[in-house]
Amino acid sequence: MLTAFSTDDVNERDRISYWFDVASKAFFDHTFVPQTQKFRGSIGGGTLGPISLMRCEFAPCEVRRTRLNAQQDGIDNAIICIRLEGRSRFVQGDRELIVEPGMIVLEDPTQPQHTDFLEANRSLYVSVPRLMLEERIGRVDTLRTISTEQAIPALARDFVHLVEGRLGSIEPDAQDTLADQVVDLFALAFGNDNRVPSTTVRGHALQRLKMAINARLTDPDLKPAMAAAAAGISVRYANALLAEENSSVEKYVMQRRLQCCRQALEDARQIHRTVSEIAFSWGFSDLSHFSRRFRAEFGITASQCRREALA
């Protein structure tokens, strides 16, 4: 779904309250202090499967998000900011930095934060479910930054720019796949940043393994050896990495396939697809086997899941 909001569409005296309401709904609860009475801003974007892409432009202002704000709205997404124009001062926890054009910042909105937008700025924002990102790069409760002067971050920025500009024309059936590709690129970009403490050798290997598996979930012939080879490690090492999460290659493949099927079943845009069509599209080759595993994983049948979600 595409949305577009601009303060140019409302009376000048109502712009600040209008912007505060729009920004709170687009991002999260916060307090907002404009640095000019003639404040202007615009937000445009929409959803792409489970993630959101937004393009924002606005005048200098100060934004604070308190711990109470975080507790009240219960936002559990990670937010990736791609700064295109304008500087800001960002503080979260014990870290403070000046965000400049060309930087990409990974923010944790469950933590208090304070941002001074020092200049009129323009940014792309990607909002990603926490679990979706953490299963690729580990915990995201630490402020992280990378530069688009590096190849992979630049590729991630360009891909988001391309996808965001075409949100209105992307077929529903392709959205989840594209969302995974967006998140995979950012996982690769942040995972290659040697300044990130959590990126150990084992962490990198686990990230590569999960990315290899997620890229091949639709292949019914996917085997542990294939996934491990794609990640450049042995099957034994692959299972050892996942054992730290009480899992294995086979278990992880099954869990991800079931999660993808449930996501599709609960998506109103895919109501035209049958349960069997969805199951087969995510690598299952036996409908009765899928039905048993789905019920064992979620405690309800696939049909019940769809009815309850779309009721």
Protein backbone atom coordinates (compact mmCIF):
# COMPACT_ATOMS: atom_id res chain seq x y z
CA MET A 1 0.00 0.00 0.00
CA LEU A 2 1.39 3.41 -1.02
CA THR A 3 0.98 6.52 1.10
CA ALA A 4 2.06 10.12 0.63
CA PHE A 5 1.80 12.98 3.11
CA SER A 6 3.01 16.56 2.82
CA THR A 7 2.64 19.62 5.01
CA ASP A 8 2.01 21.55 1.78
CA ASP A 9 -1.44 19.94 1.76
CA VAL A 10 -2.57 21.63 4.99
CA ASN A 11 -2.94 25.16 6.32
CA GLU A 12 0.34 26.63 7.56
CA ARG A 13 -0.93 26.98 11.14
CA ASP A 14 -1.75 23.25 11.24
CA ARG A 15 1.48 21.96 9.74
CA ILE A 16 3.36 21.16 12.93
CA SER A 17 0.54 19.16 14.54
CA TYR A 18 -0.16 17.47 11.21
CA TRP A 19 3.47 16.45 10.80
CA PHE A 20 3.73 15.15 14.34
CA ASP A 21 0.69 12.93 13.82
CA VAL A 22 1.91 11.62 10.46
CA ALA A 23 5.47 10.95 11.67
CA SER A 24 4.25 9.19 14.82
CA LYS A 25 2.14 6.81 12.74
CA ALA A 26 4.86 6.25 10.15
CA PHE A 27 7.64 5.60 12.68
CA PHE A 28 6.92 5.55 16.41
CA ASP A 29 5.75 7.60 19.40
CA HIS A 30 8.05 10.53 20.16
CA THR A 31 8.22 14.18 21.11
CA PHE A 32 8.90 16.71 18.39
CA VAL A 33 10.21 20.28 18.47
CA PRO A 34 10.53 22.15 15.14
CA GLN A 35 13.40 24.60 14.75
CA THR A 36 11.37 26.90 12.50
CA GLN A 37 7.79 28.11 12.53
CA LYS A 38 7.59 27.59 8.77
CA PHE A 39 8.14 23.87 9.09
CA ARG A 40 7.76 21.73 5.99
CA GLY A 41 7.99 17.98 5.52
CA SER A 42 6.86 15.07 3.39
CA ILE A 43 6.70 11.29 3.76
CA GLY A 44 6.05 8.82 0.97
CA GLY A 45 6.36 5.08 0.69
CA GLY A 46 4.61 1.90 1.63
CA THR A 47 4.92 -1.75 2.55
CA LEU A 48 6.85 -4.47 0.75
CA GLY A 49 5.73 -7.75 2.26
CA PRO A 50 6.81 -7.64 5.93
CA ILE A 51 8.99 -4.51 5.62
CA SER A 52 8.27 -0.83 5.02
CA LEU A 53 10.15 1.60 2.78
CA MET A 54 9.78 5.35 3.26
CA ARG A 55 11.30 8.47 1.75
CA CYS A 56 11.27 11.50 4.07
CA GLU A 57 12.20 15.14 3.69
CA PHE A 58 11.75 17.69 6.45
CA ALA A 59 13.08 20.91 7.96
CA PRO A 60 15.41 21.09 11.00
CA CYS A 61 13.81 19.76 14.18
CA GLU A 62 14.51 17.85 17.39
CA VAL A 63 13.08 14.37 18.00
CA ARG A 64 13.15 12.49 21.30
CA ARG A 65 11.92 8.98 22.02
CA THR A 66 11.74 8.08 25.70
CA ARG A 67 11.64 4.69 27.34
CA LEU A 68 7.98 5.36 28.14
CA ASN A 69 7.28 5.99 24.44
CA ALA A 70 8.86 2.64 23.61
CA GLN A 71 6.86 0.83 26.28
CA GLN A 72 3.59 2.39 25.17
CA ASP A 73 3.71 1.71 21.43
CA GLY A 74 5.47 -1.67 21.62
CA ILE A 75 7.33 -1.16 18.32
CA ASP A 76 9.58 -4.17 17.73
CA ASN A 77 11.15 -3.31 14.39
CA ALA A 78 14.68 -2.31 13.54
CA ILE A 79 14.95 0.90 11.52
CA ILE A 80 17.62 1.48 8.90
CA CYS A 81 18.21 5.10 7.90
CA ILE A 82 19.98 5.89 4.62
CA ARG A 83 20.96 9.55 4.81
CA LEU A 84 20.87 11.29 1.43
CA GLU A 85 21.08 14.96 2.43
CA GLY A 86 21.56 16.94 5.65
CA ARG A 87 23.37 16.35 8.93
CA SER A 88 21.95 15.29 12.29
CA ARG A 89 23.25 14.50 15.76
CA PHE A 90 22.05 11.10 16.98
CA VAL A 91 22.33 9.84 20.56
CA GLN A 92 21.33 6.37 21.73
CA GLY A 93 22.60 4.76 24.90
CA ASP A 94 26.22 5.72 25.44
CA ARG A 95 26.85 6.42 21.76
CA GLU A 96 26.68 9.76 19.99
CA LEU A 97 27.42 10.43 16.35
CA ILE A 98 26.97 12.96 13.60
CA VAL A 99 25.01 11.41 10.76
CA GLU A 100 26.07 12.78 7.38
CA PRO A 101 25.03 12.11 3.78
CA GLY A 102 26.37 8.75 2.66
CA MET A 103 25.91 7.08 6.03
CA ILE A 104 23.57 4.20 6.85
CA VAL A 105 22.45 3.90 10.47
CA LEU A 106 20.84 0.89 12.14
CA GLU A 107 18.60 2.12 14.96
CA ASP A 108 16.86 0.21 17.74
CA PRO A 109 13.54 1.98 18.46
CA THR A 110 12.98 -0.12 21.59
CA GLN A 111 15.69 2.03 23.21
CA PRO A 112 15.47 5.75 24.06
CA GLN A 113 17.02 8.04 21.46
CA HIS A 114 17.54 11.73 20.80
CA THR A 115 18.09 13.22 17.35
CA ASP A 116 18.83 16.83 16.43
CA PHE A 117 18.27 17.31 12.72
CA LEU A 118 20.69 20.17 12.23
CA GLU A 119 19.76 20.88 8.63
CA ALA A 120 16.94 20.21 6.21
CA ASN A 121 17.40 16.55 5.44
CA ARG A 122 16.35 13.82 3.04
CA SER A 123 16.54 10.13 3.92
CA LEU A 124 15.33 6.67 2.95
CA TYR A 125 14.06 4.54 5.82
CA VAL A 126 13.60 0.78 5.95
CA SER A 127 11.59 -0.69 8.83
CA VAL A 128 12.30 -4.40 9.34
CA PRO A 129 10.77 -6.85 11.83
CA ARG A 130 13.42 -7.45 14.48
CA LEU A 131 13.40 -11.24 14.12
CA MET A 132 13.82 -10.99 10.35
CA LEU A 133 17.06 -9.03 10.75
CA GLU A 134 18.38 -10.73 13.89
CA GLU A 135 18.22 -14.18 12.32
CA ARG A 136 20.71 -12.85 9.79
CA ILE A 137 23.10 -10.69 11.83
CA GLY A 138 22.39 -11.42 15.49
CA ARG A 139 21.17 -8.92 18.07
CA VAL A 140 20.37 -5.42 16.82
CA ASP A 141 20.21 -3.59 20.15
CA THR A 142 23.48 -1.73 19.46
CA LEU A 143 23.70 1.37 17.28
CA ARG A 144 25.57 0.53 14.07
CA THR A 145 26.76 2.64 11.16
CA ILE A 146 28.26 1.92 7.75
CA SER A 147 29.28 4.11 4.82
CA THR A 148 28.00 3.98 1.26
CA GLU A 149 31.57 4.66 0.15
CA GLN A 150 31.88 0.88 0.51
CA ALA A 151 30.56 -1.32 -2.31
CA ILE A 152 27.96 -3.46 -0.49
CA PRO A 153 26.34 -0.59 1.47
CA ALA A 154 26.19 1.42 -1.77
CA LEU A 155 24.51 -1.52 -3.49
CA ALA A 156 21.98 -1.80 -0.64
CA ARG A 157 21.21 1.93 -0.91
CA ASP A 158 20.76 1.76 -4.68
CA PHE A 159 18.53 -1.31 -4.47
CA VAL A 160 16.27 0.30 -1.85
CA HIS A 161 16.07 3.46 -3.98
CA LEU A 162 15.07 1.36 -6.99
CA VAL A 163 12.47 -0.71 -5.13
CA GLU A 164 10.98 2.27 -3.25
CA GLY A 165 10.41 4.07 -6.53
CA ARG A 166 8.42 1.14 -7.88
CA LEU A 167 6.40 0.05 -4.86
CA GLY A 168 3.11 0.72 -6.56
CA SER A 169 3.82 -1.64 -9.46
CA ILE A 170 5.38 -4.64 -7.70
CA GLU A 171 3.24 -7.77 -7.95
CA PRO A 172 2.01 -9.04 -4.54
CA ASP A 173 3.48 -12.49 -5.11
CA ALA A 174 6.96 -10.98 -5.56
CA GLN A 175 6.94 -8.72 -2.51
CA ASP A 176 8.12 -11.20 0.12
CA THR A 177 11.00 -12.31 -2.10
CA LEU A 178 12.07 -8.72 -2.75
CA ALA A 179 11.79 -7.90 0.96
CA ASP A 180 14.12 -10.81 1.75
CA GLN A 181 16.59 -9.51 -0.83
CA VAL A 182 16.52 -6.03 0.72
CA VAL A 183 17.17 -7.43 4.19
CA ASP A 184 19.82 -9.84 2.90
CA LEU A 185 21.74 -6.94 1.35
CA PHE A 186 21.70 -4.96 4.60
CA ALA A 187 22.69 -8.08 6.54
CA LEU A 188 25.64 -8.50 4.21
CA ALA A 189 26.52 -4.80 4.48
CA PHE A 190 26.43 -4.68 8.28
CA GLY A 191 27.96 -8.15 8.57
CA ASN A 192 31.01 -7.04 6.58
CA ASP A 193 31.63 -4.09 8.90
CA ASN A 194 34.57 -5.18 11.04
CA ARG A 195 33.74 -2.52 13.64
CA VAL A 196 30.64 -4.47 14.71
CA PRO A 197 31.59 -6.46 17.84
CA SER A 198 29.12 -9.29 17.23
CA THR A 199 30.56 -10.25 13.86
CA THR A 200 32.85 -13.07 14.91
CA VAL A 201 34.09 -15.71 12.51
CA ARG A 202 31.31 -18.05 13.63
CA GLY A 203 28.79 -15.23 13.38
CA HIS A 204 29.80 -14.53 9.78
CA ALA A 205 29.58 -18.22 8.92
CA LEU A 206 26.13 -18.52 10.50
CA GLN A 207 24.96 -15.42 8.64
CA ARG A 208 26.19 -16.84 5.32
CA LEU A 209 24.52 -20.17 6.06
CA LYS A 210 21.14 -18.60 6.84
CA MET A 211 21.32 -16.37 3.79
CA ALA A 212 22.13 -19.40 1.62
CA ILE A 213 19.18 -21.31 3.05
CA ASN A 214 16.74 -18.40 2.75
CA ALA A 215 17.74 -17.90 -0.88
CA ARG A 216 16.90 -21.55 -1.66
CA LEU A 217 13.77 -22.20 0.40
CA THR A 218 11.59 -22.56 -2.69
CA ASP A 219 13.74 -25.42 -4.01
CA PRO A 220 12.09 -28.73 -2.99
CA ASP A 221 15.43 -30.48 -3.52
CA LEU A 222 17.27 -28.32 -0.98
CA LYS A 223 19.50 -30.55 1.16
CA PRO A 224 21.91 -29.73 4.02
CA ALA A 225 24.90 -30.41 1.78
CA MET A 226 23.64 -27.90 -0.81
CA ALA A 227 23.06 -25.19 1.80
CA ALA A 228 26.42 -25.77 3.47
CA ALA A 229 28.27 -25.74 0.15
CA ALA A 230 26.61 -22.46 -0.81
CA ALA A 231 27.84 -20.97 2.47
CA GLY A 232 31.34 -22.35 1.93
CA ILE A 233 31.32 -24.63 4.99
CA SER A 234 30.87 -28.32 5.76
CA VAL A 235 27.55 -29.89 6.75
CA ARG A 236 29.04 -30.80 10.12
CA TYR A 237 30.10 -27.19 10.79
CA ALA A 238 26.73 -25.90 9.55
CA ASN A 239 24.88 -28.12 12.01
CA ALA A 240 27.30 -27.13 14.78
CA LEU A 241 26.56 -23.44 14.16
CA LEU A 242 22.81 -23.97 14.28
CA ALA A 243 23.11 -26.24 17.31
CA GLU A 244 23.95 -23.09 19.30
CA GLU A 245 20.34 -22.06 18.57
CA ASN A 246 19.00 -25.55 19.38
CA SER A 247 18.50 -26.17 15.69
CA SER A 248 20.04 -27.91 12.67
CA VAL A 249 20.08 -27.31 8.93
CA GLU A 250 17.03 -29.50 8.38
CA LYS A 251 15.15 -27.95 11.31
CA TYR A 252 15.98 -24.41 10.21
CA VAL A 253 14.86 -25.09 6.64
CA MET A 254 11.57 -26.52 7.91
CA GLN A 255 11.01 -23.65 10.34
CA ARG A 256 11.66 -20.98 7.70
CA ARG A 257 9.42 -22.68 5.14
CA LEU A 258 6.60 -22.93 7.64
CA GLN A 259 7.05 -19.29 8.65
CA CYS A 260 6.93 -18.19 5.00
CA CYS A 261 3.82 -20.28 4.39
CA ARG A 262 2.07 -18.80 7.42
CA GLN A 263 3.01 -15.29 6.32
CA ALA A 264 1.48 -15.97 2.90
CA LEU A 265 -1.66 -17.52 4.39
CA GLU A 266 -2.22 -14.46 6.58
CA ASP A 267 -1.69 -12.03 3.70
CA ALA A 268 -5.01 -10.76 2.34
CA ARG A 269 -3.32 -10.00 -0.97
CA GLN A 270 -2.72 -13.73 -1.46
CA ILE A 271 -6.25 -14.91 -0.70
CA HIS A 272 -6.56 -16.13 -4.29
CA ARG A 273 -3.84 -18.74 -3.71
CA THR A 274 -4.81 -22.15 -2.34
CA VAL A 275 -3.11 -23.69 0.69
CA SER A 276 -1.49 -26.32 -1.51
CA GLU A 277 -0.22 -23.70 -3.97
CA ILE A 278 1.42 -21.77 -1.14
CA ALA A 279 2.93 -24.91 0.39
CA PHE A 280 4.38 -26.10 -2.91
CA SER A 281 5.74 -22.63 -3.70
CA TRP A 282 7.85 -22.79 -0.52
CA GLY A 283 9.48 -26.12 -1.24
CA PHE A 284 6.99 -28.64 0.14
CA SER A 285 6.28 -31.55 -2.20
CA ASP A 286 3.75 -33.47 -0.06
CA LEU A 287 0.61 -31.67 1.13
CA SER A 288 -0.15 -34.13 3.94
CA HIS A 289 3.41 -33.76 5.25
CA PHE A 290 3.05 -29.97 5.13
CA SER A 291 -0.26 -30.13 6.99
CA ARG A 292 1.21 -32.26 9.79
CA ARG A 293 4.26 -30.07 10.20
CA PHE A 294 2.23 -26.84 10.10
CA ARG A 295 -0.10 -28.04 12.84
CA ALA A 296 2.80 -29.30 14.95
CA GLU A 297 4.58 -25.95 14.61
CA PHE A 298 1.65 -23.57 15.17
CA GLY A 299 -1.03 -25.65 16.91
CA ILE A 300 -3.66 -25.00 14.24
CA THR A 301 -4.26 -26.14 10.69
CA ALA A 302 -3.25 -24.00 7.73
CA SER A 303 -6.90 -23.40 6.86
CA GLN A 304 -7.69 -22.29 10.42
CA CYS A 305 -4.70 -19.98 10.35
CA ARG A 306 -5.98 -18.30 7.20
CA ARG A 307 -9.57 -18.00 8.47
CA GLU A 308 -8.51 -16.46 11.79
CA ALA A 309 -6.09 -14.02 10.18
CA LEU A 310 -8.52 -12.84 7.52
CA ALA A 311 -11.70 -12.87 9.61
